[in-house]
Amino acid sequence: DVLFFCVDGLPGFKEAIQAVYPQAQIQRCVIHMLRNSFQYVN
């Protein structure tokens, strides 16, 4: 068992985790999310 998977964004990542560890919670990296948003900001 794994309680939390902490990952960056990747298509299909969530499905892969849920297929093997369906009870685990998935946490996208907030810092990466911010960086992704900042690239659209002047």
PDB file of all heavy atoms in Angstrom:
ATOM      1  N   ASP A   1       0.830  -1.200   0.000  1.00  0.00           N
ATOM      2  CA  ASP A   1       0.000   0.000   0.000  1.00  0.00           C
ATOM      3  C   ASP A   1       0.863   1.248   0.000  1.00  0.00           C
ATOM      4  O   ASP A   1       1.987   1.254   0.523  1.00  0.00           O
ATOM      5  CB  ASP A   1      -0.917   0.011   1.231  1.00  0.00           C
ATOM      6  CG  ASP A   1      -2.146   0.900   1.047  1.00  0.00           C
ATOM      7  OD1 ASP A   1      -2.261   1.543  -0.026  1.00  0.00           O
ATOM      8  OD2 ASP A   1      -2.979   0.948   1.973  1.00  0.00           O
ATOM      9  N   VAL A   2       0.337   2.301  -0.614  1.00  0.00           N
ATOM     10  CA  VAL A   2       0.930   3.637  -0.604  1.00  0.00           C
ATOM     11  C   VAL A   2      -0.208   4.608  -0.292  1.00  0.00           C
ATOM     12  O   VAL A   2      -1.273   4.540  -0.908  1.00  0.00           O
ATOM     13  CB  VAL A   2       1.577   3.992  -1.963  1.00  0.00           C
ATOM     14  CG1 VAL A   2       2.068   5.437  -1.950  1.00  0.00           C
ATOM     15  CG2 VAL A   2       2.720   3.038  -2.291  1.00  0.00           C
ATOM     16  N   LEU A   3       0.021   5.504   0.671  1.00  0.00           N
ATOM     17  CA  LEU A   3      -1.043   6.452   1.033  1.00  0.00           C
ATOM     18  C   LEU A   3      -1.129   7.602   0.036  1.00  0.00           C
ATOM     19  O   LEU A   3      -2.213   7.963  -0.418  1.00  0.00           O
ATOM     20  CB  LEU A   3      -0.799   6.999   2.447  1.00  0.00           C
ATOM     21  CG  LEU A   3      -0.696   5.962   3.573  1.00  0.00           C
ATOM     22  CD1 LEU A   3      -0.565   6.664   4.921  1.00  0.00           C
ATOM     23  CD2 LEU A   3      -1.900   5.023   3.570  1.00  0.00           C
ATOM     24  N   PHE A   4       0.032   8.178  -0.311  1.00  0.00           N
ATOM     25  CA  PHE A   4       0.062   9.327  -1.216  1.00  0.00           C
ATOM     26  C   PHE A   4       1.116   9.145  -2.302  1.00  0.00           C
ATOM     27  O   PHE A   4       2.258   8.781  -1.996  1.00  0.00           O
ATOM     28  CB  PHE A   4       0.387  10.620  -0.457  1.00  0.00           C
ATOM     29  CG  PHE A   4      -0.564  10.976   0.637  1.00  0.00           C
ATOM     30  CD1 PHE A   4      -0.259  10.667   1.946  1.00  0.00           C
ATOM     31  CD2 PHE A   4      -1.757  11.612   0.366  1.00  0.00           C
ATOM     32  CE1 PHE A   4      -1.119  10.997   2.978  1.00  0.00           C
ATOM     33  CE2 PHE A   4      -2.636  11.944   1.383  1.00  0.00           C
ATOM     34  CZ  PHE A   4      -2.318  11.626   2.697  1.00  0.00           C
ATOM     35  N   PHE A   5       0.722   9.399  -3.534  1.00  0.00           N
ATOM     36  CA  PHE A   5       1.674   9.521  -4.630  1.00  0.00           C
ATOM     37  C   PHE A   5       1.792  10.997  -4.967  1.00  0.00           C
ATOM     38  O   PHE A   5       0.780  11.661  -5.254  1.00  0.00           O
ATOM     39  CB  PHE A   5       1.213   8.748  -5.865  1.00  0.00           C
ATOM     40  CG  PHE A   5       1.509   7.286  -5.809  1.00  0.00           C
ATOM     41  CD1 PHE A   5       0.531   6.391  -5.390  1.00  0.00           C
ATOM     42  CD2 PHE A   5       2.746   6.787  -6.168  1.00  0.00           C
ATOM     43  CE1 PHE A   5       0.796   5.032  -5.325  1.00  0.00           C
ATOM     44  CE2 PHE A   5       3.017   5.429  -6.108  1.00  0.00           C
ATOM     45  CZ  PHE A   5       2.038   4.549  -5.686  1.00  0.00           C
ATOM     46  N   CYS A   6       3.007  11.526  -4.929  1.00  0.00           N
ATOM     47  CA  CYS A   6       3.257  12.932  -5.228  1.00  0.00           C
ATOM     48  C   CYS A   6       4.004  12.995  -6.555  1.00  0.00           C
ATOM     49  O   CYS A   6       5.125  12.483  -6.657  1.00  0.00           O
ATOM     50  CB  CYS A   6       4.064  13.578  -4.110  1.00  0.00           C
ATOM     51  SG  CYS A   6       3.345  13.292  -2.465  1.00  0.00           S
ATOM     52  N   VAL A   7       3.365  13.608  -7.563  1.00  0.00           N
ATOM     53  CA  VAL A   7       3.878  13.505  -8.925  1.00  0.00           C
ATOM     54  C   VAL A   7       3.748  14.828  -9.663  1.00  0.00           C
ATOM     55  O   VAL A   7       3.013  15.722  -9.250  1.00  0.00           O
ATOM     56  CB  VAL A   7       3.116  12.423  -9.719  1.00  0.00           C
ATOM     57  CG1 VAL A   7       3.281  11.065  -9.058  1.00  0.00           C
ATOM     58  CG2 VAL A   7       1.627  12.772  -9.835  1.00  0.00           C
ATOM     59  N   ASP A   8       4.477  14.924 -10.754  1.00  0.00           N
ATOM     60  CA  ASP A   8       4.285  16.020 -11.694  1.00  0.00           C
ATOM     61  C   ASP A   8       3.212  15.567 -12.687  1.00  0.00           C
ATOM     62  O   ASP A   8       2.830  14.405 -12.728  1.00  0.00           O
ATOM     63  CB  ASP A   8       5.601  16.338 -12.403  1.00  0.00           C
ATOM     64  CG  ASP A   8       5.502  17.599 -13.250  1.00  0.00           C
ATOM     65  OD1 ASP A   8       4.517  18.334 -13.094  1.00  0.00           O
ATOM     66  OD2 ASP A   8       6.416  17.826 -14.058  1.00  0.00           O
ATOM     67  N   GLY A   9       2.743  16.484 -13.496  1.00  0.00           N
ATOM     68  CA  GLY A   9       1.707  16.138 -14.453  1.00  0.00           C
ATOM     69  C   GLY A   9       2.233  15.250 -15.569  1.00  0.00           C
ATOM     70  O   GLY A   9       3.283  15.496 -16.139  1.00  0.00           O
ATOM     71  N   LEU A  10       1.502  14.182 -15.863  1.00  0.00           N
ATOM     72  CA  LEU A  10       1.838  13.286 -16.960  1.00  0.00           C
ATOM     73  C   LEU A  10       0.567  12.618 -17.431  1.00  0.00           C
ATOM     74  O   LEU A  10      -0.141  12.016 -16.617  1.00  0.00           O
ATOM     75  CB  LEU A  10       2.845  12.225 -16.515  1.00  0.00           C
ATOM     76  CG  LEU A  10       3.106  11.078 -17.506  1.00  0.00           C
ATOM     77  CD1 LEU A  10       3.865  11.613 -18.710  1.00  0.00           C
ATOM     78  CD2 LEU A  10       3.872   9.944 -16.851  1.00  0.00           C
ATOM     79  N   PRO A  11       0.229  12.718 -18.691  1.00  0.00           N
ATOM     80  CA  PRO A  11      -0.983  12.049 -19.188  1.00  0.00           C
ATOM     81  C   PRO A  11      -0.927  10.552 -18.897  1.00  0.00           C
ATOM     82  O   PRO A  11       0.061   9.884 -19.202  1.00  0.00           O
ATOM     83  CB  PRO A  11      -0.941  12.333 -20.693  1.00  0.00           C
ATOM     84  CG  PRO A  11      -0.108  13.570 -20.844  1.00  0.00           C
ATOM     85  CD  PRO A  11       0.912  13.487 -19.754  1.00  0.00           C
ATOM     86  N   GLY A  12      -1.967  10.026 -18.283  1.00  0.00           N
ATOM     87  CA  GLY A  12      -2.027   8.607 -17.991  1.00  0.00           C
ATOM     88  C   GLY A  12      -1.410   8.222 -16.663  1.00  0.00           C
ATOM     89  O   GLY A  12      -1.521   7.067 -16.229  1.00  0.00           O
ATOM     90  N   PHE A  13      -0.740   9.180 -15.997  1.00  0.00           N
ATOM     91  CA  PHE A  13      -0.110   8.905 -14.712  1.00  0.00           C
ATOM     92  C   PHE A  13      -1.154   8.462 -13.685  1.00  0.00           C
ATOM     93  O   PHE A  13      -0.988   7.473 -12.979  1.00  0.00           O
ATOM     94  CB  PHE A  13       0.585  10.170 -14.202  1.00  0.00           C
ATOM     95  CG  PHE A  13       1.891   9.895 -13.502  1.00  0.00           C
ATOM     96  CD1 PHE A  13       2.876  10.875 -13.456  1.00  0.00           C
ATOM     97  CD2 PHE A  13       2.146   8.685 -12.888  1.00  0.00           C
ATOM     98  CE1 PHE A  13       4.078  10.641 -12.825  1.00  0.00           C
ATOM     99  CE2 PHE A  13       3.339   8.445 -12.237  1.00  0.00           C
ATOM    100  CZ  PHE A  13       4.301   9.425 -12.207  1.00  0.00           C
ATOM    101  N   LYS A  14      -2.233   9.217 -13.618  1.00  0.00           N
ATOM    102  CA  LYS A  14      -3.296   8.937 -12.651  1.00  0.00           C
ATOM    103  C   LYS A  14      -3.876   7.546 -12.877  1.00  0.00           C
ATOM    104  O   LYS A  14      -4.082   6.771 -11.933  1.00  0.00           O
ATOM    105  CB  LYS A  14      -4.383  10.003 -12.773  1.00  0.00           C
ATOM    106  CG  LYS A  14      -5.537   9.837 -11.800  1.00  0.00           C
ATOM    107  CD  LYS A  14      -6.529  10.969 -11.976  1.00  0.00           C
ATOM    108  CE  LYS A  14      -7.716  10.831 -11.034  1.00  0.00           C
ATOM    109  NZ  LYS A  14      -8.678  11.936 -11.210  1.00  0.00           N
ATOM    110  N   GLU A  15      -4.123   7.204 -14.136  1.00  0.00           N
ATOM    111  CA  GLU A  15      -4.701   5.894 -14.464  1.00  0.00           C
ATOM    112  C   GLU A  15      -3.749   4.762 -14.080  1.00  0.00           C
ATOM    113  O   GLU A  15      -4.181   3.711 -13.587  1.00  0.00           O
ATOM    114  CB  GLU A  15      -5.026   5.823 -15.953  1.00  0.00           C
ATOM    115  CG  GLU A  15      -6.187   6.704 -16.403  1.00  0.00           C
ATOM    116  CD  GLU A  15      -5.840   8.182 -16.469  1.00  0.00           C
ATOM    117  OE1 GLU A  15      -4.627   8.511 -16.463  1.00  0.00           O
ATOM    118  OE2 GLU A  15      -6.770   9.008 -16.522  1.00  0.00           O
ATOM    119  N   ALA A  16      -2.444   4.978 -14.297  1.00  0.00           N
ATOM    120  CA  ALA A  16      -1.457   3.952 -13.951  1.00  0.00           C
ATOM    121  C   ALA A  16      -1.439   3.709 -12.447  1.00  0.00           C
ATOM    122  O   ALA A  16      -1.403   2.560 -11.988  1.00  0.00           O
ATOM    123  CB  ALA A  16      -0.067   4.381 -14.439  1.00  0.00           C
ATOM    124  N   ILE A  17      -1.477   4.780 -11.662  1.00  0.00           N
ATOM    125  CA  ILE A  17      -1.472   4.647 -10.202  1.00  0.00           C
ATOM    126  C   ILE A  17      -2.740   3.957  -9.718  1.00  0.00           C
ATOM    127  O   ILE A  17      -2.698   3.023  -8.900  1.00  0.00           O
ATOM    128  CB  ILE A  17      -1.322   6.030  -9.530  1.00  0.00           C
ATOM    129  CG1 ILE A  17       0.078   6.595  -9.805  1.00  0.00           C
ATOM    130  CG2 ILE A  17      -1.565   5.924  -8.019  1.00  0.00           C
ATOM    131  CD1 ILE A  17       0.260   8.039  -9.373  1.00  0.00           C
ATOM    132  N   GLN A  18      -3.872   4.385 -10.237  1.00  0.00           N
ATOM    133  CA  GLN A  18      -5.144   3.813  -9.784  1.00  0.00           C
ATOM    134  C   GLN A  18      -5.285   2.342 -10.165  1.00  0.00           C
ATOM    135  O   GLN A  18      -5.981   1.583  -9.480  1.00  0.00           O
ATOM    136  CB  GLN A  18      -6.307   4.631 -10.351  1.00  0.00           C
ATOM    137  CG  GLN A  18      -6.436   6.006  -9.711  1.00  0.00           C
ATOM    138  CD  GLN A  18      -7.551   6.835 -10.311  1.00  0.00           C
ATOM    139  OE1 GLN A  18      -7.971   6.607 -11.453  1.00  0.00           O
ATOM    140  NE2 GLN A  18      -8.035   7.810  -9.554  1.00  0.00           N
ATOM    141  N   ALA A  19      -4.623   1.949 -11.237  1.00  0.00           N
ATOM    142  CA  ALA A  19      -4.699   0.543 -11.660  1.00  0.00           C
ATOM    143  C   ALA A  19      -3.954  -0.376 -10.702  1.00  0.00           C
ATOM    144  O   ALA A  19      -4.329  -1.543 -10.535  1.00  0.00           O
ATOM    145  CB  ALA A  19      -4.133   0.398 -13.074  1.00  0.00           C
ATOM    146  N   VAL A  20      -2.903   0.126 -10.065  1.00  0.00           N
ATOM    147  CA  VAL A  20      -2.077  -0.709  -9.189  1.00  0.00           C
ATOM    148  C   VAL A  20      -2.375  -0.450  -7.712  1.00  0.00           C
ATOM    149  O   VAL A  20      -2.452  -1.381  -6.909  1.00  0.00           O
ATOM    150  CB  VAL A  20      -0.573  -0.478  -9.475  1.00  0.00           C
ATOM    151  CG1 VAL A  20       0.285  -1.400  -8.612  1.00  0.00           C
ATOM    152  CG2 VAL A  20      -0.262  -0.711 -10.952  1.00  0.00           C
ATOM    153  N   TYR A  21      -2.571   0.821  -7.347  1.00  0.00           N
ATOM    154  CA  TYR A  21      -2.861   1.200  -5.958  1.00  0.00           C
ATOM    155  C   TYR A  21      -4.137   2.051  -5.928  1.00  0.00           C
ATOM    156  O   TYR A  21      -4.070   3.281  -5.796  1.00  0.00           O
ATOM    157  CB  TYR A  21      -1.685   1.961  -5.353  1.00  0.00           C
ATOM    158  CG  TYR A  21      -0.438   1.121  -5.189  1.00  0.00           C
ATOM    159  CD1 TYR A  21       0.613   1.224  -6.089  1.00  0.00           C
ATOM    160  CD2 TYR A  21      -0.325   0.201  -4.141  1.00  0.00           C
ATOM    161  CE1 TYR A  21       1.761   0.434  -5.947  1.00  0.00           C
ATOM    162  CE2 TYR A  21       0.809  -0.587  -3.998  1.00  0.00           C
ATOM    163  CZ  TYR A  21       1.854  -0.468  -4.910  1.00  0.00           C
ATOM    164  OH  TYR A  21       2.975  -1.256  -4.771  1.00  0.00           O
ATOM    165  N   PRO A  22      -5.289   1.420  -6.080  1.00  0.00           N
ATOM    166  CA  PRO A  22      -6.550   2.173  -6.228  1.00  0.00           C
ATOM    167  C   PRO A  22      -6.921   3.018  -5.020  1.00  0.00           C
ATOM    168  O   PRO A  22      -7.667   3.997  -5.155  1.00  0.00           O
ATOM    169  CB  PRO A  22      -7.591   1.071  -6.474  1.00  0.00           C
ATOM    170  CG  PRO A  22      -6.970  -0.191  -5.955  1.00  0.00           C
ATOM    171  CD  PRO A  22      -5.501  -0.034  -6.169  1.00  0.00           C
ATOM    172  N   GLN A  23      -6.429   2.687  -3.824  1.00  0.00           N
ATOM    173  CA  GLN A  23      -6.779   3.462  -2.631  1.00  0.00           C
ATOM    174  C   GLN A  23      -5.878   4.676  -2.422  1.00  0.00           C
ATOM    175  O   GLN A  23      -6.185   5.543  -1.595  1.00  0.00           O
ATOM    176  CB  GLN A  23      -6.691   2.574  -1.389  1.00  0.00           C
ATOM    177  CG  GLN A  23      -7.810   1.537  -1.275  1.00  0.00           C
ATOM    178  CD  GLN A  23      -7.714   0.786   0.038  1.00  0.00           C
ATOM    179  OE1 GLN A  23      -6.827  -0.040   0.246  1.00  0.00           O
ATOM    180  NE2 GLN A  23      -8.632   1.088   0.949  1.00  0.00           N
ATOM    181  N   ALA A  24      -4.780   4.748  -3.142  1.00  0.00           N
ATOM    182  CA  ALA A  24      -3.814   5.827  -2.928  1.00  0.00           C
ATOM    183  C   ALA A  24      -4.371   7.168  -3.385  1.00  0.00           C
ATOM    184  O   ALA A  24      -5.112   7.247  -4.372  1.00  0.00           O
ATOM    185  CB  ALA A  24      -2.519   5.527  -3.678  1.00  0.00           C
ATOM    186  N   GLN A  25      -4.020   8.222  -2.670  1.00  0.00           N
ATOM    187  CA  GLN A  25      -4.370   9.583  -3.082  1.00  0.00           C
ATOM    188  C   GLN A  25      -3.247  10.139  -3.941  1.00  0.00           C
ATOM    189  O   GLN A  25      -2.065   9.866  -3.694  1.00  0.00           O
ATOM    190  CB  GLN A  25      -4.600  10.480  -1.865  1.00  0.00           C
ATOM    191  CG  GLN A  25      -5.800  10.054  -1.032  1.00  0.00           C
ATOM    192  CD  GLN A  25      -6.309  11.177  -0.152  1.00  0.00           C
ATOM    193  OE1 GLN A  25      -6.281  12.341  -0.547  1.00  0.00           O
ATOM    194  NE2 GLN A  25      -6.790  10.831   1.020  1.00  0.00           N
ATOM    195  N   ILE A  26      -3.629  10.915  -4.939  1.00  0.00           N
ATOM    196  CA  ILE A  26      -2.653  11.483  -5.869  1.00  0.00           C
ATOM    197  C   ILE A  26      -2.573  12.987  -5.647  1.00  0.00           C
ATOM    198  O   ILE A  26      -3.595  13.679  -5.606  1.00  0.00           O
ATOM    199  CB  ILE A  26      -3.054  11.192  -7.332  1.00  0.00           C
ATOM    200  CG1 ILE A  26      -3.101   9.680  -7.570  1.00  0.00           C
ATOM    201  CG2 ILE A  26      -2.070  11.857  -8.297  1.00  0.00           C
ATOM    202  CD1 ILE A  26      -3.709   9.286  -8.892  1.00  0.00           C
ATOM    203  N   GLN A  27      -1.355  13.481  -5.492  1.00  0.00           N
ATOM    204  CA  GLN A  27      -1.148  14.909  -5.295  1.00  0.00           C
ATOM    205  C   GLN A  27      -0.240  15.453  -6.385  1.00  0.00           C
ATOM    206  O   GLN A  27       0.923  15.070  -6.485  1.00  0.00           O
ATOM    207  CB  GLN A  27      -0.516  15.174  -3.925  1.00  0.00           C
ATOM    208  CG  GLN A  27      -0.141  16.622  -3.676  1.00  0.00           C
ATOM    209  CD  GLN A  27      -1.352  17.528  -3.631  1.00  0.00           C
ATOM    210  OE1 GLN A  27      -2.293  17.265  -2.900  1.00  0.00           O
ATOM    211  NE2 GLN A  27      -1.345  18.595  -4.427  1.00  0.00           N
ATOM    212  N   ARG A  28      -0.803  16.298  -7.221  1.00  0.00           N
ATOM    213  CA  ARG A  28       0.011  16.984  -8.228  1.00  0.00           C
ATOM    214  C   ARG A  28       0.876  18.018  -7.529  1.00  0.00           C
ATOM    215  O   ARG A  28       0.464  18.685  -6.583  1.00  0.00           O
ATOM    216  CB  ARG A  28      -0.885  17.672  -9.260  1.00  0.00           C
ATOM    217  CG  ARG A  28      -1.490  16.752 -10.300  1.00  0.00           C
ATOM    218  CD  ARG A  28      -0.502  16.404 -11.400  1.00  0.00           C
ATOM    219  NE  ARG A  28      -0.084  17.576 -12.157  1.00  0.00           N
ATOM    220  CZ  ARG A  28      -0.753  18.060 -13.212  1.00  0.00           C
ATOM    221  NH1 ARG A  28      -1.872  17.488 -13.627  1.00  0.00           N
ATOM    222  NH2 ARG A  28      -0.315  19.112 -13.855  1.00  0.00           N
ATOM    223  N   CYS A  29       2.094  18.171  -7.996  1.00  0.00           N
ATOM    224  CA  CYS A  29       3.026  19.124  -7.400  1.00  0.00           C
ATOM    225  C   CYS A  29       2.532  20.557  -7.607  1.00  0.00           C
ATOM    226  O   CYS A  29       2.374  21.018  -8.749  1.00  0.00           O
ATOM    227  CB  CYS A  29       4.412  18.953  -8.023  1.00  0.00           C
ATOM    228  SG  CYS A  29       5.622  20.163  -7.449  1.00  0.00           S
ATOM    229  N   VAL A  30       2.274  21.252  -6.510  1.00  0.00           N
ATOM    230  CA  VAL A  30       1.767  22.629  -6.565  1.00  0.00           C
ATOM    231  C   VAL A  30       2.801  23.561  -7.192  1.00  0.00           C
ATOM    232  O   VAL A  30       2.449  24.468  -7.960  1.00  0.00           O
ATOM    233  CB  VAL A  30       1.386  23.112  -5.151  1.00  0.00           C
ATOM    234  CG1 VAL A  30       1.046  24.594  -5.144  1.00  0.00           C
ATOM    235  CG2 VAL A  30       0.215  22.301  -4.615  1.00  0.00           C
ATOM    236  N   ILE A  31       4.068  23.336  -6.885  1.00  0.00           N
ATOM    237  CA  ILE A  31       5.128  24.189  -7.440  1.00  0.00           C
ATOM    238  C   ILE A  31       5.162  24.079  -8.967  1.00  0.00           C
ATOM    239  O   ILE A  31       5.282  25.082  -9.686  1.00  0.00           O
ATOM    240  CB  ILE A  31       6.502  23.819  -6.844  1.00  0.00           C
ATOM    241  CG1 ILE A  31       6.485  23.944  -5.317  1.00  0.00           C
ATOM    242  CG2 ILE A  31       7.599  24.681  -7.448  1.00  0.00           C
ATOM    243  CD1 ILE A  31       6.156  25.318  -4.809  1.00  0.00           C
ATOM    244  N   HIS A  32       5.027  22.847  -9.480  1.00  0.00           N
ATOM    245  CA  HIS A  32       4.989  22.671 -10.934  1.00  0.00           C
ATOM    246  C   HIS A  32       3.759  23.337 -11.534  1.00  0.00           C
ATOM    247  O   HIS A  32       3.824  23.912 -12.633  1.00  0.00           O
ATOM    248  CB  HIS A  32       4.994  21.178 -11.280  1.00  0.00           C
ATOM    249  CG  HIS A  32       6.359  20.584 -11.316  1.00  0.00           C
ATOM    250  ND1 HIS A  32       6.891  19.905 -10.261  1.00  0.00           N
ATOM    251  CD2 HIS A  32       7.315  20.580 -12.285  1.00  0.00           C
ATOM    252  CE1 HIS A  32       8.116  19.497 -10.567  1.00  0.00           C
ATOM    253  NE2 HIS A  32       8.394  19.892 -11.776  1.00  0.00           N
ATOM    254  N   MET A  33       2.648  23.234 -10.845  1.00  0.00           N
ATOM    255  CA  MET A  33       1.425  23.885 -11.326  1.00  0.00           C
ATOM    256  C   MET A  33       1.618  25.397 -11.424  1.00  0.00           C
ATOM    257  O   MET A  33       1.196  26.035 -12.402  1.00  0.00           O
ATOM    258  CB  MET A  33       0.266  23.550 -10.393  1.00  0.00           C
ATOM    259  CG  MET A  33      -0.197  22.106 -10.442  1.00  0.00           C
ATOM    260  SD  MET A  33      -1.033  21.692 -11.993  1.00  0.00           S
ATOM    261  CE  MET A  33      -2.496  22.723 -11.857  1.00  0.00           C
ATOM    262  N   LEU A  34       2.252  25.969 -10.419  1.00  0.00           N
ATOM    263  CA  LEU A  34       2.516  27.411 -10.441  1.00  0.00           C
ATOM    264  C   LEU A  34       3.438  27.777 -11.601  1.00  0.00           C
ATOM    265  O   LEU A  34       3.186  28.755 -12.323  1.00  0.00           O
ATOM    266  CB  LEU A  34       3.146  27.846  -9.122  1.00  0.00           C
ATOM    267  CG  LEU A  34       2.224  27.879  -7.897  1.00  0.00           C
ATOM    268  CD1 LEU A  34       3.025  28.084  -6.624  1.00  0.00           C
ATOM    269  CD2 LEU A  34       1.174  28.976  -8.050  1.00  0.00           C
ATOM    270  N   ARG A  35       4.476  26.999 -11.801  1.00  0.00           N
ATOM    271  CA  ARG A  35       5.402  27.281 -12.905  1.00  0.00           C
ATOM    272  C   ARG A  35       4.686  27.201 -14.251  1.00  0.00           C
ATOM    273  O   ARG A  35       4.942  28.017 -15.149  1.00  0.00           O
ATOM    274  CB  ARG A  35       6.568  26.293 -12.880  1.00  0.00           C
ATOM    275  CG  ARG A  35       7.527  26.471 -11.724  1.00  0.00           C
ATOM    276  CD  ARG A  35       8.550  25.359 -11.705  1.00  0.00           C
ATOM    277  NE  ARG A  35       9.427  25.416 -10.538  1.00  0.00           N
ATOM    278  CZ  ARG A  35      10.174  24.414 -10.106  1.00  0.00           C
ATOM    279  NH1 ARG A  35      10.161  23.255 -10.772  1.00  0.00           N
ATOM    280  NH2 ARG A  35      10.938  24.543  -9.045  1.00  0.00           N
ATOM    281  N   ASN A  36       3.819  26.213 -14.386  1.00  0.00           N
ATOM    282  CA  ASN A  36       3.062  26.086 -15.634  1.00  0.00           C
ATOM    283  C   ASN A  36       2.174  27.298 -15.862  1.00  0.00           C
ATOM    284  O   ASN A  36       2.014  27.773 -17.002  1.00  0.00           O
ATOM    285  CB  ASN A  36       2.204  24.813 -15.605  1.00  0.00           C
ATOM    286  CG  ASN A  36       3.046  23.554 -15.670  1.00  0.00           C
ATOM    287  OD1 ASN A  36       4.187  23.585 -16.116  1.00  0.00           O
ATOM    288  ND2 ASN A  36       2.483  22.437 -15.224  1.00  0.00           N
ATOM    289  N   SER A  37       1.576  27.799 -14.794  1.00  0.00           N
ATOM    290  CA  SER A  37       0.718  28.982 -14.919  1.00  0.00           C
ATOM    291  C   SER A  37       1.537  30.224 -15.221  1.00  0.00           C
ATOM    292  O   SER A  37       1.134  31.066 -16.034  1.00  0.00           O
ATOM    293  CB  SER A  37      -0.085  29.198 -13.626  1.00  0.00           C
ATOM    294  OG  SER A  37      -1.007  28.158 -13.422  1.00  0.00           O
ATOM    295  N   PHE A  38       2.689  30.362 -14.585  1.00  0.00           N
ATOM    296  CA  PHE A  38       3.508  31.561 -14.747  1.00  0.00           C
ATOM    297  C   PHE A  38       4.006  31.741 -16.170  1.00  0.00           C
ATOM    298  O   PHE A  38       4.265  32.868 -16.604  1.00  0.00           O
ATOM    299  CB  PHE A  38       4.709  31.507 -13.794  1.00  0.00           C
ATOM    300  CG  PHE A  38       4.351  31.646 -12.334  1.00  0.00           C
ATOM    301  CD1 PHE A  38       5.273  31.323 -11.349  1.00  0.00           C
ATOM    302  CD2 PHE A  38       3.100  32.103 -11.951  1.00  0.00           C
ATOM    303  CE1 PHE A  38       4.945  31.444 -10.005  1.00  0.00           C
ATOM    304  CE2 PHE A  38       2.755  32.231 -10.602  1.00  0.00           C
ATOM    305  CZ  PHE A  38       3.684  31.894  -9.633  1.00  0.00           C
ATOM    306  N   GLN A  39       4.142  30.657 -16.927  1.00  0.00           N
ATOM    307  CA  GLN A  39       4.642  30.794 -18.292  1.00  0.00           C
ATOM    308  C   GLN A  39       3.643  31.502 -19.214  1.00  0.00           C
ATOM    309  O   GLN A  39       4.005  31.948 -20.300  1.00  0.00           O
ATOM    310  CB  GLN A  39       5.014  29.431 -18.861  1.00  0.00           C
ATOM    311  CG  GLN A  39       3.861  28.472 -19.066  1.00  0.00           C
ATOM    312  CD  GLN A  39       4.318  27.125 -19.594  1.00  0.00           C
ATOM    313  OE1 GLN A  39       5.440  27.002 -20.081  1.00  0.00           O
ATOM    314  NE2 GLN A  39       3.464  26.113 -19.502  1.00  0.00           N
ATOM    315  N   TYR A  40       2.386  31.605 -18.762  1.00  0.00           N
ATOM    316  CA  TYR A  40       1.374  32.321 -19.550  1.00  0.00           C
ATOM    317  C   TYR A  40       1.235  33.779 -19.119  1.00  0.00           C
ATOM    318  O   TYR A  40       0.438  34.522 -19.692  1.00  0.00           O
ATOM    319  CB  TYR A  40       0.006  31.635 -19.404  1.00  0.00           C
ATOM    320  CG  TYR A  40      -0.027  30.224 -19.920  1.00  0.00           C
ATOM    321  CD1 TYR A  40      -0.106  29.149 -19.034  1.00  0.00           C
ATOM    322  CD2 TYR A  40       0.039  29.958 -21.284  1.00  0.00           C
ATOM    323  CE1 TYR A  40      -0.136  27.841 -19.497  1.00  0.00           C
ATOM    324  CE2 TYR A  40       0.012  28.647 -21.753  1.00  0.00           C
ATOM    325  CZ  TYR A  40      -0.073  27.600 -20.858  1.00  0.00           C
ATOM    326  OH  TYR A  40      -0.106  26.299 -21.315  1.00  0.00           O
ATOM    327  N   VAL A  41       1.979  34.183 -18.080  1.00  0.00           N
ATOM    328  CA  VAL A  41       1.813  35.517 -17.502  1.00  0.00           C
ATOM    329  C   VAL A  41       2.969  36.419 -17.924  1.00  0.00           C
ATOM    330  O   VAL A  41       4.138  36.018 -17.862  1.00  0.00           O
ATOM    331  CB  VAL A  41       1.743  35.428 -15.958  1.00  0.00           C
ATOM    332  CG1 VAL A  41       1.598  36.821 -15.344  1.00  0.00           C
ATOM    333  CG2 VAL A  41       0.578  34.535 -15.530  1.00  0.00           C
ATOM    334  N   ASN A  42       2.629  37.635 -18.329  1.00  0.00           N
ATOM    335  CA  ASN A  42       3.641  38.615 -18.708  1.00  0.00           C
ATOM    336  C   ASN A  42       4.523  38.939 -17.506  1.00  0.00           C
ATOM    337  O   ASN A  42       4.050  39.011 -16.376  1.00  0.00           O
ATOM    338  CB  ASN A  42       2.961  39.894 -19.211  1.00  0.00           C
ATOM    339  CG  ASN A  42       3.952  40.851 -19.841  1.00  0.00           C
ATOM    340  OD1 ASN A  42       4.781  41.439 -19.156  1.00  0.00           O
ATOM    341  ND2 ASN A  42       3.854  41.011 -21.153  1.00  0.00           N
TER     342      ASN A  42
END
